[in-house]
Amino acid sequence: MTVVPDNMTNEDELSSVLEAVKNGDAEAFHRLYIQFASPLYKFLALISRSTTVAEELTQHIFAQIWIERNRIDPQKHFERYLFTRAKHALSNYYRSKKVRDMHASNLTQGEENAADANMIVKETEKYISMAIKSMPRQRQRIFEYSYEDGLSTEEIAQRLQISKQAVEKQISYARRHIRILIAQLSGENR
């Protein structure tokens, strides 16, 4: 059995936990869940505006990660992978037959909800894009290297010839900036 750190505070610890999960270690998977389920849930609740949807999708995403654990790449950025899965799960959820069936008794209401859900996804993507464009250029580059190109913190640091800590700090600032701007913009449009 793999020894799993109590709190994954750096990429090396996270990589070792991901490697253990990949090898079928249920305790490591539990640590991964404890570390990432709450932020994932909060993200899904913010976007979907539904705690029920957020809870259901969080459980579904982690179940899929366990089922597909042999495909985990411990060297890739897990948080980016997780939130990309969340975005796709949310899109799929709103397109699914389940949602259409929930509103089948009132077709007009169902069409409005599907249109609202599609609008929410598009709005969120627009807000994220606006947030990225409003960042300082260096932070934009770091964020894009990380989230769009899939580069690790170390690869970004080497490419830009800055410290790994500077990259981590800029990614943290970028995420905070996006969350704040989405909250502000979505609050203005309610």
Protein backbone atom coordinates (compact mmCIF):
# COMPACT_ATOMS: atom_id res chain seq x y z
CA MET A 1 0.00 0.00 0.00
CA THR A 2 1.25 3.48 -0.86
CA VAL A 3 1.77 6.05 1.87
CA VAL A 4 -0.43 8.99 1.00
CA PRO A 5 0.40 12.46 2.33
CA ASP A 6 -2.26 14.06 4.53
CA ASN A 7 -2.21 17.28 2.54
CA MET A 8 -0.95 17.47 -1.02
CA THR A 9 0.95 20.73 -0.93
CA ASN A 10 3.17 20.36 -3.97
CA GLU A 11 3.23 18.76 -7.39
CA ASP A 12 5.52 15.92 -6.30
CA GLU A 13 3.13 14.84 -3.55
CA LEU A 14 0.19 15.09 -5.92
CA SER A 15 2.08 13.07 -8.55
CA SER A 16 2.75 10.29 -6.04
CA VAL A 17 -0.92 10.23 -5.02
CA LEU A 18 -2.02 10.14 -8.67
CA GLU A 19 0.42 7.29 -9.34
CA ALA A 20 -1.06 5.38 -6.41
CA VAL A 21 -4.61 6.01 -7.68
CA LYS A 22 -3.56 4.82 -11.13
CA ASN A 23 -2.35 1.61 -9.48
CA GLY A 24 -5.73 1.08 -7.78
CA ASP A 25 -4.99 2.42 -4.29
CA ALA A 26 -8.41 3.29 -2.81
CA GLU A 27 -6.85 5.22 0.10
CA ALA A 28 -4.97 7.45 -2.35
CA PHE A 29 -8.20 7.99 -4.28
CA HIS A 30 -9.91 9.01 -1.04
CA ARG A 31 -7.12 11.58 -0.40
CA LEU A 32 -7.57 12.90 -3.95
CA TYR A 33 -11.31 13.18 -3.38
CA ILE A 34 -10.85 14.97 -0.03
CA GLN A 35 -8.42 17.44 -1.63
CA PHE A 36 -10.39 18.27 -4.78
CA ALA A 37 -14.11 17.48 -4.32
CA SER A 38 -14.96 20.69 -2.47
CA PRO A 39 -13.36 23.12 -4.97
CA LEU A 40 -14.90 21.15 -7.84
CA TYR A 41 -18.33 21.23 -6.17
CA LYS A 42 -18.08 24.98 -5.56
CA PHE A 43 -17.10 25.58 -9.19
CA LEU A 44 -20.01 23.47 -10.48
CA ALA A 45 -22.46 25.12 -8.08
CA LEU A 46 -21.33 28.58 -9.19
CA ILE A 47 -21.69 27.74 -12.86
CA SER A 48 -24.85 25.65 -12.68
CA ARG A 49 -26.47 27.70 -9.92
CA SER A 50 -27.72 24.39 -8.52
CA THR A 51 -26.32 22.54 -5.53
CA THR A 52 -28.11 19.39 -6.68
CA VAL A 53 -26.47 19.48 -10.11
CA ALA A 54 -23.10 20.31 -8.54
CA GLU A 55 -23.32 17.40 -6.12
CA GLU A 56 -24.43 14.95 -8.80
CA LEU A 57 -21.73 15.99 -11.25
CA THR A 58 -18.98 16.01 -8.61
CA GLN A 59 -19.84 12.41 -7.70
CA HIS A 60 -20.07 11.42 -11.37
CA ILE A 61 -16.70 12.99 -12.23
CA PHE A 62 -14.91 11.26 -9.37
CA ALA A 63 -16.59 7.95 -10.18
CA GLN A 64 -15.37 8.27 -13.77
CA ILE A 65 -11.86 9.12 -12.57
CA TRP A 66 -11.83 5.93 -10.50
CA ILE A 67 -13.21 3.84 -13.36
CA GLU A 68 -10.68 5.32 -15.80
CA ARG A 69 -7.83 5.53 -13.28
CA ASN A 70 -5.44 3.59 -15.52
CA ARG A 71 -5.53 6.57 -17.92
CA ILE A 72 -4.30 9.06 -15.30
CA ASP A 73 -1.01 10.72 -16.18
CA PRO A 74 0.60 11.72 -12.86
CA GLN A 75 2.91 14.14 -14.68
CA LYS A 76 0.04 16.20 -16.13
CA HIS A 77 -1.70 19.05 -14.30
CA PHE A 78 -4.51 17.24 -12.47
CA GLU A 79 -6.50 20.33 -11.45
CA ARG A 80 -6.72 21.49 -15.07
CA TYR A 81 -7.80 17.97 -16.08
CA LEU A 82 -10.43 17.91 -13.34
CA PHE A 83 -11.96 21.28 -14.20
CA THR A 84 -11.94 20.49 -17.92
CA ARG A 85 -13.91 17.34 -17.09
CA ALA A 86 -16.27 19.49 -15.02
CA LYS A 87 -16.90 21.86 -17.90
CA HIS A 88 -17.64 18.96 -20.25
CA ALA A 89 -19.81 17.19 -17.67
CA LEU A 90 -21.84 20.34 -17.15
CA SER A 91 -22.33 20.82 -20.89
CA ASN A 92 -23.31 17.18 -21.30
CA TYR A 93 -25.65 17.36 -18.35
CA TYR A 94 -27.62 20.21 -19.83
CA ARG A 95 -27.80 18.48 -23.18
CA SER A 96 -28.77 15.13 -21.74
CA LYS A 97 -32.08 13.37 -22.08
CA LYS A 98 -32.37 13.45 -18.29
CA VAL A 99 -32.79 17.22 -18.22
CA ARG A 100 -35.18 17.20 -21.17
CA ASP A 101 -37.27 14.49 -19.47
CA MET A 102 -37.38 16.46 -16.22
CA HIS A 103 -39.11 19.26 -18.11
CA ALA A 104 -41.19 17.12 -20.48
CA SER A 105 -44.42 17.93 -18.63
CA ASN A 106 -43.99 21.53 -19.64
CA LEU A 107 -42.33 21.70 -23.05
CA THR A 108 -42.12 25.46 -23.09
CA GLN A 109 -40.49 25.49 -19.67
CA GLY A 110 -38.11 22.74 -20.81
CA GLU A 111 -37.08 24.69 -23.90
CA GLU A 112 -36.52 27.81 -21.80
CA ASN A 113 -34.38 25.86 -19.31
CA ALA A 114 -32.28 24.24 -22.05
CA ALA A 115 -31.81 27.64 -23.65
CA ASP A 116 -30.94 29.13 -20.24
CA ALA A 117 -28.41 26.38 -19.60
CA ASN A 118 -26.81 26.88 -22.98
CA MET A 119 -26.74 30.62 -22.35
CA ILE A 120 -25.10 30.08 -18.93
CA VAL A 121 -22.35 27.95 -20.47
CA LYS A 122 -21.74 30.52 -23.21
CA GLU A 123 -21.84 33.39 -20.71
CA THR A 124 -19.36 31.64 -18.46
CA GLU A 125 -17.00 31.00 -21.37
CA LYS A 126 -17.32 34.68 -22.33
CA TYR A 127 -16.59 35.79 -18.75
CA ILE A 128 -13.53 33.54 -18.55
CA SER A 129 -12.28 34.93 -21.85
CA MET A 130 -12.85 38.51 -20.64
CA ALA A 131 -11.06 37.73 -17.38
CA ILE A 132 -8.05 36.29 -19.21
CA LYS A 133 -7.87 39.28 -21.56
CA SER A 134 -7.94 41.70 -18.62
CA MET A 135 -4.88 40.11 -16.96
CA PRO A 136 -1.36 41.49 -17.31
CA ARG A 137 0.32 39.97 -20.39
CA GLN A 138 2.81 37.82 -18.44
CA ARG A 139 0.00 36.33 -16.31
CA GLN A 140 -2.03 35.67 -19.47
CA ARG A 141 0.88 33.82 -21.03
CA ILE A 142 1.45 31.72 -17.91
CA PHE A 143 -2.27 30.91 -17.63
CA GLU A 144 -2.50 29.99 -21.33
CA TYR A 145 0.62 27.82 -21.15
CA SER A 146 -0.85 26.04 -18.16
CA TYR A 147 -4.51 25.67 -19.07
CA GLU A 148 -4.54 25.72 -22.86
CA ASP A 149 -1.19 24.17 -23.72
CA GLY A 150 -1.08 21.79 -20.75
CA LEU A 151 2.45 22.71 -19.69
CA SER A 152 3.57 21.92 -16.16
CA THR A 153 4.68 24.63 -13.76
CA GLU A 154 8.29 23.58 -14.27
CA GLU A 155 7.99 23.68 -18.09
CA ILE A 156 6.49 27.18 -17.94
CA ALA A 157 9.23 28.36 -15.58
CA GLN A 158 11.91 27.03 -17.95
CA ARG A 159 10.23 28.52 -21.02
CA LEU A 160 9.87 31.97 -19.45
CA GLN A 161 13.11 31.76 -17.46
CA ILE A 162 11.42 32.54 -14.16
CA SER A 163 11.14 30.58 -10.92
CA LYS A 164 8.63 27.78 -10.44
CA GLN A 165 7.24 29.70 -7.43
CA ALA A 166 6.63 32.76 -9.61
CA VAL A 167 4.67 30.59 -12.05
CA GLU A 168 2.61 29.04 -9.24
CA LYS A 169 1.90 32.50 -7.80
CA GLN A 170 0.78 33.87 -11.19
CA ILE A 171 -1.48 30.84 -11.80
CA SER A 172 -3.02 31.36 -8.37
CA TYR A 173 -3.55 35.08 -9.09
CA ALA A 174 -5.06 34.23 -12.48
CA ARG A 175 -7.54 31.75 -10.99
CA ARG A 176 -8.53 34.22 -8.27
CA HIS A 177 -8.94 36.98 -10.86
CA ILE A 178 -11.18 34.75 -13.00
CA ARG A 179 -13.34 33.73 -10.01
CA ILE A 180 -13.76 37.33 -8.88
CA LEU A 181 -14.56 38.63 -12.36
CA ILE A 182 -17.07 35.83 -13.05
CA ALA A 183 -18.78 36.54 -9.72
CA GLN A 184 -18.91 40.27 -10.48
CA LEU A 185 -20.11 39.87 -14.04
CA SER A 186 -22.67 37.18 -13.25
CA GLY A 187 -23.94 39.34 -10.37
CA GLU A 188 -24.43 42.30 -12.70
CA ASN A 189 -26.50 40.20 -15.11
CA ARG A 190 -28.94 38.83 -12.56
